[in-house]
N, C-alpha and C. Protein backbone atom coordinates (compact mmCIF):
# COMPACT_ATOMS: atom_id res chain seq x y z
N MET A 1 0.72 -1.08 0.09
CA MET A 1 -0.17 -0.14 0.06
C MET A 1 0.77 1.30 -0.08
N HIS A 2 0.46 1.91 -1.06
CA HIS A 2 1.35 3.50 -0.90
C HIS A 2 0.50 4.67 -0.67
N MET A 3 1.14 5.49 0.02
CA MET A 3 0.35 6.87 0.29
C MET A 3 0.40 7.67 -0.70
N LYS A 4 -0.78 8.82 -0.93
CA LYS A 4 -0.96 9.72 -2.03
C LYS A 4 -0.75 10.89 -1.42
N ILE A 5 0.13 11.57 -1.72
CA ILE A 5 0.25 13.11 -1.14
C ILE A 5 -0.54 13.88 -1.97
N ILE A 6 -1.74 14.56 -1.66
CA ILE A 6 -2.21 15.24 -2.52
C ILE A 6 -2.34 16.67 -2.30
N ASN A 7 -1.40 17.13 -1.33
CA ASN A 7 -1.20 18.73 -1.18
C ASN A 7 -0.16 18.77 -0.38
N ASP A 8 0.89 19.80 -0.67
CA ASP A 8 1.89 19.98 0.09
C ASP A 8 2.50 21.36 -0.31
N THR A 9 2.10 22.34 1.02
CA THR A 9 2.38 23.80 0.94
C THR A 9 3.17 24.25 2.13
N PHE A 10 3.75 25.49 1.86
CA PHE A 10 4.53 26.13 2.86
C PHE A 10 4.16 27.40 3.12
N ASN A 11 3.99 27.62 4.43
CA ASN A 11 3.37 29.23 4.62
C ASN A 11 4.22 29.68 6.11
N CYS A 12 5.03 30.57 5.93
CA CYS A 12 5.68 31.31 7.11
C CYS A 12 6.69 30.02 7.67
N GLY A 13 7.03 29.14 7.36
CA GLY A 13 7.98 28.18 7.62
C GLY A 13 7.15 27.13 8.12
N LEU A 14 5.92 27.06 8.07
CA LEU A 14 4.74 25.76 8.63
C LEU A 14 4.95 25.04 7.19
N ARG A 15 5.01 23.73 7.21
CA ARG A 15 4.86 22.98 6.00
C ARG A 15 3.34 22.22 6.30
N THR A 16 2.72 22.41 5.41
CA THR A 16 1.28 21.42 5.70
C THR A 16 1.24 20.38 4.59
N VAL A 17 0.84 19.30 5.05
CA VAL A 17 0.86 18.19 3.79
C VAL A 17 -0.55 17.20 4.07
N VAL A 18 -1.15 17.16 3.12
CA VAL A 18 -2.38 16.34 3.07
C VAL A 18 -2.26 15.21 2.28
N ALA A 19 -2.54 14.09 2.56
CA ALA A 19 -2.27 12.61 2.04
C ALA A 19 -3.57 11.90 2.37
N LYS A 20 -3.82 10.81 1.32
CA LYS A 20 -4.76 10.10 1.24
C LYS A 20 -4.11 8.52 1.59
N PRO A 21 -4.39 7.99 2.57
CA PRO A 21 -3.92 6.81 3.04
C PRO A 21 -4.65 5.60 2.15
N GLU A 22 -3.82 4.37 2.02
CA GLU A 22 -4.61 3.32 1.08
C GLU A 22 -4.84 2.23 2.18
N GLY A 23 -5.74 1.50 2.00
CA GLY A 23 -6.17 0.24 2.48
C GLY A 23 -6.21 0.15 3.89
N VAL A 24 -6.77 1.47 4.70
CA VAL A 24 -7.42 1.80 5.87
C VAL A 24 -8.60 2.34 5.85
N CYS A 25 -9.29 2.26 7.15
CA CYS A 25 -10.31 3.36 7.31
C CYS A 25 -10.41 4.91 7.28
N SER A 26 -9.32 5.03 7.73
CA SER A 26 -9.15 6.64 7.66
C SER A 26 -8.76 7.09 6.19
N GLN A 27 -9.66 8.22 5.72
CA GLN A 27 -9.46 8.77 4.81
C GLN A 27 -8.78 9.86 4.24
N MET A 28 -8.06 10.60 5.17
CA MET A 28 -7.25 11.52 4.98
C MET A 28 -6.40 11.63 6.25
N ILE A 29 -5.15 12.11 5.88
CA ILE A 29 -4.11 12.84 7.06
C ILE A 29 -3.66 14.03 6.62
N GLU A 30 -3.84 15.01 7.40
CA GLU A 30 -3.50 16.66 7.42
C GLU A 30 -2.50 16.45 8.42
N LEU A 31 -1.14 16.91 7.95
CA LEU A 31 0.03 16.75 8.99
C LEU A 31 0.85 18.53 8.86
N LYS A 32 1.09 18.72 9.64
CA LYS A 32 1.74 20.37 9.76
C LYS A 32 2.80 20.30 10.57
N LEU A 33 4.06 20.58 9.82
CA LEU A 33 5.50 20.27 10.16
C LEU A 33 6.31 21.62 10.21
N PHE A 34 7.09 21.72 11.28
CA PHE A 34 7.80 23.09 11.24
C PHE A 34 9.51 22.28 11.32
N GLY A 35 9.90 22.49 10.27
CA GLY A 35 11.32 21.57 9.83
C GLY A 35 10.76 20.02 10.14
N ASP A 36 11.65 19.31 11.15
CA ASP A 36 11.48 17.88 10.97
C ASP A 36 10.61 17.69 12.38
N GLU A 37 9.92 18.77 12.74
CA GLU A 37 9.02 18.64 13.98
C GLU A 37 7.56 18.45 13.78
N ILE A 38 6.92 17.57 14.37
CA ILE A 38 5.38 17.64 14.29
C ILE A 38 4.53 18.33 14.89
N VAL A 39 4.25 19.25 14.51
CA VAL A 39 3.35 20.56 15.11
C VAL A 39 1.81 19.68 15.30
N ASP A 40 1.41 19.32 14.28
CA ASP A 40 -0.21 19.01 14.54
C ASP A 40 -0.41 17.82 13.60
N VAL A 41 -1.25 16.80 13.67
CA VAL A 41 -1.52 16.13 12.57
C VAL A 41 -3.09 15.59 12.97
N ALA A 42 -4.00 15.33 11.96
CA ALA A 42 -5.31 15.10 12.04
C ALA A 42 -5.88 13.95 10.87
N PHE A 43 -6.49 12.98 11.54
CA PHE A 43 -6.81 11.93 10.66
C PHE A 43 -8.68 12.18 10.60
N TYR A 44 -8.73 11.97 9.35
CA TYR A 44 -10.38 12.12 9.23
C TYR A 44 -10.66 10.92 8.61
N GLY A 45 -12.04 10.06 9.36
CA GLY A 45 -12.27 8.84 9.19
C GLY A 45 -11.61 8.24 9.97
N GLY A 46 -11.99 6.92 10.21
CA GLY A 46 -11.42 5.91 11.01
C GLY A 46 -11.64 6.15 12.22
N CYS A 47 -11.02 5.20 13.30
CA CYS A 47 -11.40 5.02 14.70
C CYS A 47 -10.88 6.25 15.30
N ASN A 48 -11.88 7.55 15.57
CA ASN A 48 -11.60 8.43 16.08
C ASN A 48 -10.89 8.63 17.18
N GLY A 49 -11.09 7.85 18.16
CA GLY A 49 -10.39 8.11 19.46
C GLY A 49 -8.96 7.57 19.41
N ASN A 50 -8.85 6.51 18.76
CA ASN A 50 -7.42 5.85 18.59
C ASN A 50 -6.42 6.83 17.83
N LEU A 51 -7.35 7.39 16.65
CA LEU A 51 -6.50 8.46 15.86
C LEU A 51 -6.03 9.44 16.59
N LYS A 52 -6.88 10.07 17.39
CA LYS A 52 -6.84 11.38 18.08
C LYS A 52 -5.74 11.22 19.05
N GLY A 53 -5.33 9.85 19.77
CA GLY A 53 -4.43 9.43 20.58
C GLY A 53 -3.09 9.42 19.96
N ILE A 54 -2.96 8.87 18.68
CA ILE A 54 -1.95 8.73 17.92
C ILE A 54 -1.14 10.15 17.47
N ALA A 55 -2.44 11.05 17.42
CA ALA A 55 -1.81 12.35 16.84
C ALA A 55 -1.51 13.22 18.17
N ALA A 56 -1.99 12.88 19.36
CA ALA A 56 -1.53 13.41 20.45
C ALA A 56 0.20 12.78 20.83
N LEU A 57 0.44 11.97 20.79
CA LEU A 57 1.43 11.23 20.93
C LEU A 57 2.36 11.94 19.88
N ALA A 58 2.15 12.11 18.70
CA ALA A 58 3.07 12.44 17.76
C ALA A 58 3.44 13.93 17.70
N LYS A 59 2.64 14.85 18.43
CA LYS A 59 2.91 16.27 18.44
C LYS A 59 4.27 16.56 19.18
N GLY A 60 4.99 17.27 18.62
CA GLY A 60 6.21 17.77 19.27
C GLY A 60 7.41 16.89 19.24
N HIS A 61 7.15 15.65 18.42
CA HIS A 61 8.51 14.98 18.13
C HIS A 61 8.69 14.87 16.87
N LYS A 62 10.21 14.48 16.68
CA LYS A 62 10.58 14.26 15.18
C LYS A 62 10.15 13.20 14.33
N ILE A 63 10.15 13.71 13.10
CA ILE A 63 9.75 12.60 11.89
C ILE A 63 10.33 11.60 12.13
N ALA A 64 11.58 11.26 12.15
CA ALA A 64 12.14 10.12 12.35
C ALA A 64 11.88 9.08 13.61
N GLU A 65 11.53 9.56 14.50
CA GLU A 65 11.31 9.05 15.95
C GLU A 65 9.50 8.50 15.85
N VAL A 66 8.89 9.19 15.40
CA VAL A 66 7.41 8.66 15.13
C VAL A 66 7.30 7.64 13.92
N LYS A 67 8.31 7.83 13.04
CA LYS A 67 8.12 6.99 11.65
C LYS A 67 8.62 5.68 12.15
N GLN A 68 9.66 5.52 13.11
CA GLN A 68 10.19 4.45 13.47
C GLN A 68 9.13 3.61 14.34
N ARG A 69 8.45 4.41 15.46
CA ARG A 69 7.59 3.70 16.21
C ARG A 69 6.44 3.01 15.65
N LEU A 70 5.89 3.95 14.76
CA LEU A 70 4.61 3.42 13.90
C LEU A 70 4.76 2.47 12.60
N SER A 71 5.94 2.44 12.12
CA SER A 71 6.12 1.81 10.94
C SER A 71 5.70 0.32 11.17
N GLY A 72 5.32 -0.73 10.18
CA GLY A 72 4.81 -2.01 10.21
C GLY A 72 3.84 -2.64 11.12
N ILE A 73 3.06 -1.41 12.05
CA ILE A 73 1.96 -1.78 12.62
C ILE A 73 0.81 -2.34 11.61
N THR A 74 0.20 -3.38 11.76
CA THR A 74 -0.91 -3.94 11.15
C THR A 74 -2.34 -3.72 12.11
N CYS A 75 -3.41 -3.76 11.15
CA CYS A 75 -4.78 -3.91 11.82
C CYS A 75 -5.49 -5.10 11.16
N ALA A 76 -6.11 -5.67 12.57
CA ALA A 76 -6.70 -7.18 11.91
C ALA A 76 -6.11 -7.59 11.06
N SER A 77 -6.49 -8.36 9.79
CA SER A 77 -5.92 -8.92 8.84
C SER A 77 -5.26 -7.89 7.55
N LYS A 78 -5.24 -6.71 7.71
CA LYS A 78 -4.83 -5.90 6.77
C LYS A 78 -2.89 -5.80 7.10
N MET A 79 -2.45 -5.69 5.93
CA MET A 79 -1.07 -5.27 5.96
C MET A 79 -0.33 -4.28 6.34
N THR A 80 -1.37 -3.51 6.74
CA THR A 80 -1.15 -2.18 7.04
C THR A 80 -1.95 -1.38 8.30
N SER A 81 -2.04 -0.50 8.55
CA SER A 81 -2.76 0.54 9.32
C SER A 81 -2.93 1.83 9.45
N CYS A 82 -3.94 2.52 9.96
CA CYS A 82 -3.42 3.83 10.23
C CYS A 82 -2.28 4.32 10.65
N PRO A 83 -1.60 3.94 11.48
CA PRO A 83 -0.52 4.40 12.27
C PRO A 83 0.77 3.91 10.95
N ASP A 84 0.52 2.88 10.57
CA ASP A 84 1.69 2.29 9.42
C ASP A 84 1.63 3.31 8.18
N GLN A 85 0.35 3.66 7.90
CA GLN A 85 -0.06 4.71 6.70
C GLN A 85 0.82 6.01 7.03
N PHE A 86 0.42 6.75 8.33
CA PHE A 86 1.27 7.79 8.90
C PHE A 86 2.66 7.60 8.70
N ALA A 87 3.29 6.76 9.09
CA ALA A 87 4.89 6.37 9.12
C ALA A 87 5.18 6.37 7.44
N GLN A 88 4.45 5.67 6.61
CA GLN A 88 4.87 5.80 5.13
C GLN A 88 4.64 7.14 4.88
N LEU A 89 3.70 8.08 5.22
CA LEU A 89 3.69 9.45 4.80
C LEU A 89 4.98 10.40 5.55
N LEU A 90 5.57 9.90 6.62
CA LEU A 90 6.38 10.55 7.26
C LEU A 90 7.77 10.02 6.69
N ALA A 91 7.95 8.94 6.09
CA ALA A 91 9.18 8.46 5.30
C ALA A 91 9.35 8.96 3.79
N ALA A 92 7.99 9.27 3.48
CA ALA A 92 8.25 10.08 2.13
C ALA A 92 8.59 11.39 2.09
N LEU A 93 8.26 12.07 3.39
CA LEU A 93 8.58 13.45 3.60
C LEU A 93 9.87 13.48 3.95
N GLU A 94 10.69 12.42 4.71
CA GLU A 94 12.28 12.45 4.59
C GLU A 94 12.95 12.27 3.54
N ASN A 95 12.58 11.81 2.56
CA ASN A 95 13.50 11.95 1.22
C ASN A 95 13.65 12.75 0.44
């Protein structure tokens, strides 16, 4: 499964990336970065409480750290998960 970035903008040093995950319940991820630090992240669709928890834990941390922690997590019988899709987005932004 591959993440599709649908918007990537910069405004006053703040980078906002909107992406569409694949193979999961979440329909969209909106990520705000300042350099390599996650300022905010919101998931649209999916398991609301769990995704709010992931977002809260990611805030204030570096891309590499969050990517490492979430990469490879699966959901039920799926080969990916919302956290794994988020990690894939972070990996794409590191390159």
